[in-house]
């Protein structure tokens, strides 16, 4: 199983890194690496996180988890895990 990042999620990870970098390069690297490591571990146990409560009509393939106040939403498909979005938890969730 392969992990694929949506362009928006990839861009948001870059924005998160650049925002944190303004205050601390150590924290920017730490947070980015924690998110990347968590995403890379998904193929081992893709269903370990709960279904995404913000996904309308979720069929159980849409899941989400939080790391360092960032919420990562992903979808489990037959041969891939697609990273859909990354948002800070202080921002209002967008239903999709």
C-alpha atoms as a PDB file:
ATOM      1  CA  UNK A   1       0.000   0.000   0.000  1.00  0.00           C
ATOM      2  CA  UNK A   2       1.347   3.410  -0.972  1.00  0.00           C
ATOM      3  CA  UNK A   3       0.755   6.825   0.638  1.00  0.00           C
ATOM      4  CA  UNK A   4      -0.225   9.675  -1.709  1.00  0.00           C
ATOM      5  CA  UNK A   5      -0.525  13.303  -0.593  1.00  0.00           C
ATOM      6  CA  UNK A   6      -3.138  15.584  -2.177  1.00  0.00           C
ATOM      7  CA  UNK A   7      -1.524  18.781  -3.422  1.00  0.00           C
ATOM      8  CA  UNK A   8      -3.431  20.909  -0.871  1.00  0.00           C
ATOM      9  CA  UNK A   9      -2.294  18.715   2.036  1.00  0.00           C
ATOM     10  CA  UNK A  10       1.310  18.841   0.833  1.00  0.00           C
ATOM     11  CA  UNK A  11       1.157  22.639   0.528  1.00  0.00           C
ATOM     12  CA  UNK A  12      -0.392  22.943   3.982  1.00  0.00           C
ATOM     13  CA  UNK A  13       2.440  20.878   5.500  1.00  0.00           C
ATOM     14  CA  UNK A  14       4.905  23.276   3.896  1.00  0.00           C
ATOM     15  CA  UNK A  15       2.973  26.291   5.277  1.00  0.00           C
ATOM     16  CA  UNK A  16       2.923  24.729   8.766  1.00  0.00           C
ATOM     17  CA  UNK A  17       6.675  24.194   8.617  1.00  0.00           C
ATOM     18  CA  UNK A  18       7.335  27.759   7.406  1.00  0.00           C
ATOM     19  CA  UNK A  19       5.050  29.253  10.058  1.00  0.00           C
ATOM     20  CA  UNK A  20       6.714  27.383  12.940  1.00  0.00           C
ATOM     21  CA  UNK A  21      10.147  28.104  11.453  1.00  0.00           C
ATOM     22  CA  UNK A  22       9.622  31.820  12.142  1.00  0.00           C
ATOM     23  CA  UNK A  23       9.885  31.064  15.877  1.00  0.00           C
ATOM     24  CA  UNK A  24      11.952  27.890  16.097  1.00  0.00           C
ATOM     25  CA  UNK A  25      13.725  25.804  13.492  1.00  0.00           C
ATOM     26  CA  UNK A  26      13.948  22.900  15.973  1.00  0.00           C
ATOM     27  CA  UNK A  27      10.188  22.855  16.511  1.00  0.00           C
ATOM     28  CA  UNK A  28       9.503  23.268  12.792  1.00  0.00           C
ATOM     29  CA  UNK A  29      11.616  20.209  12.007  1.00  0.00           C
ATOM     30  CA  UNK A  30      10.157  18.254  14.945  1.00  0.00           C
ATOM     31  CA  UNK A  31       6.501  18.869  14.047  1.00  0.00           C
ATOM     32  CA  UNK A  32       7.029  18.238  10.335  1.00  0.00           C
ATOM     33  CA  UNK A  33       8.888  14.990  11.051  1.00  0.00           C
ATOM     34  CA  UNK A  34       6.256  13.767  13.526  1.00  0.00           C
ATOM     35  CA  UNK A  35       3.532  14.311  10.929  1.00  0.00           C
ATOM     36  CA  UNK A  36       5.544  12.633   8.164  1.00  0.00           C
ATOM     37  CA  UNK A  37       6.449   9.668  10.402  1.00  0.00           C
ATOM     38  CA  UNK A  38       2.812   9.178  11.435  1.00  0.00           C
ATOM     39  CA  UNK A  39       1.679   9.283   7.803  1.00  0.00           C
ATOM     40  CA  UNK A  40       4.407   6.863   6.698  1.00  0.00           C
ATOM     41  CA  UNK A  41       3.301   4.381   9.379  1.00  0.00           C
ATOM     42  CA  UNK A  42      -0.298   4.298   8.065  1.00  0.00           C
ATOM     43  CA  UNK A  43       0.211   1.415   5.585  1.00  0.00           C
ATOM     44  CA  UNK A  44       1.055  -0.904   8.507  1.00  0.00           C
ATOM     45  CA  UNK A  45      -2.290  -0.212  10.226  1.00  0.00           C
ATOM     46  CA  UNK A  46      -4.470   2.012   8.006  1.00  0.00           C
ATOM     47  CA  UNK A  47      -7.561   1.624  10.207  1.00  0.00           C
ATOM     48  CA  UNK A  48      -5.886   2.460  13.512  1.00  0.00           C
ATOM     49  CA  UNK A  49      -7.407   5.939  13.623  1.00  0.00           C
ATOM     50  CA  UNK A  50     -11.138   6.597  14.038  1.00  0.00           C
ATOM     51  CA  UNK A  51     -13.455   7.474  11.149  1.00  0.00           C
ATOM     52  CA  UNK A  52     -13.398  11.173  10.286  1.00  0.00           C
ATOM     53  CA  UNK A  53     -16.374  12.735  12.072  1.00  0.00           C
ATOM     54  CA  UNK A  54     -16.301  15.762   9.755  1.00  0.00           C
ATOM     55  CA  UNK A  55     -16.738  13.725   6.565  1.00  0.00           C
ATOM     56  CA  UNK A  56     -20.329  13.805   5.367  1.00  0.00           C
ATOM     57  CA  UNK A  57     -21.673  10.309   4.574  1.00  0.00           C
ATOM     58  CA  UNK A  58     -18.464   8.654   5.699  1.00  0.00           C
ATOM     59  CA  UNK A  59     -18.398   5.047   4.535  1.00  0.00           C
ATOM     60  CA  UNK A  60     -15.612   4.251   7.026  1.00  0.00           C
ATOM     61  CA  UNK A  61     -12.759   4.787   4.571  1.00  0.00           C
ATOM     62  CA  UNK A  62     -12.262   8.421   5.631  1.00  0.00           C
ATOM     63  CA  UNK A  63     -10.199   8.672   8.827  1.00  0.00           C
ATOM     64  CA  UNK A  64      -8.417  11.353  10.832  1.00  0.00           C
ATOM     65  CA  UNK A  65      -5.934  11.826  13.659  1.00  0.00           C
ATOM     66  CA  UNK A  66      -4.142  14.671  15.435  1.00  0.00           C
ATOM     67  CA  UNK A  67      -0.483  15.400  16.056  1.00  0.00           C
ATOM     68  CA  UNK A  68       0.805  18.550  17.760  1.00  0.00           C
ATOM     69  CA  UNK A  69      -2.573  20.273  17.318  1.00  0.00           C
ATOM     70  CA  UNK A  70      -2.683  19.449  13.605  1.00  0.00           C
ATOM     71  CA  UNK A  71      -5.482  17.284  12.243  1.00  0.00           C
ATOM     72  CA  UNK A  72      -4.595  14.960   9.368  1.00  0.00           C
ATOM     73  CA  UNK A  73      -7.480  13.545   7.321  1.00  0.00           C
ATOM     74  CA  UNK A  74      -6.928  10.588   5.030  1.00  0.00           C
ATOM     75  CA  UNK A  75      -8.804   8.032   2.958  1.00  0.00           C
ATOM     76  CA  UNK A  76      -8.017   4.338   2.830  1.00  0.00           C
ATOM     77  CA  UNK A  77      -8.426   2.792  -0.608  1.00  0.00           C
ATOM     78  CA  UNK A  78      -7.656  -0.704  -1.851  1.00  0.00           C
ATOM     79  CA  UNK A  79      -4.077   0.007  -2.906  1.00  0.00           C
ATOM     80  CA  UNK A  80      -3.337   3.444  -1.441  1.00  0.00           C
ATOM     81  CA  UNK A  81      -3.797   5.815   1.451  1.00  0.00           C
ATOM     82  CA  UNK A  82      -4.555   9.341   0.297  1.00  0.00           C
ATOM     83  CA  UNK A  83      -3.711  12.237   2.625  1.00  0.00           C
ATOM     84  CA  UNK A  84      -6.602  14.632   2.038  1.00  0.00           C
ATOM     85  CA  UNK A  85      -5.993  17.606   4.308  1.00  0.00           C
ATOM     86  CA  UNK A  86      -3.996  18.990   7.183  1.00  0.00           C
ATOM     87  CA  UNK A  87      -5.445  21.716   9.416  1.00  0.00           C
ATOM     88  CA  UNK A  88      -4.606  23.272  12.749  1.00  0.00           C
ATOM     89  CA  UNK A  89      -7.164  22.212  15.341  1.00  0.00           C
ATOM     90  CA  UNK A  90      -7.892  25.828  16.306  1.00  0.00           C
ATOM     91  CA  UNK A  91      -9.369  26.403  12.851  1.00  0.00           C
ATOM     92  CA  UNK A  92     -13.003  25.545  12.329  1.00  0.00           C
ATOM     93  CA  UNK A  93     -13.350  22.186  10.605  1.00  0.00           C
ATOM     94  CA  UNK A  94     -14.714  22.214   7.095  1.00  0.00           C
ATOM     95  CA  UNK A  95     -17.262  19.521   6.309  1.00  0.00           C
ATOM     96  CA  UNK A  96     -16.543  17.677   3.084  1.00  0.00           C
END
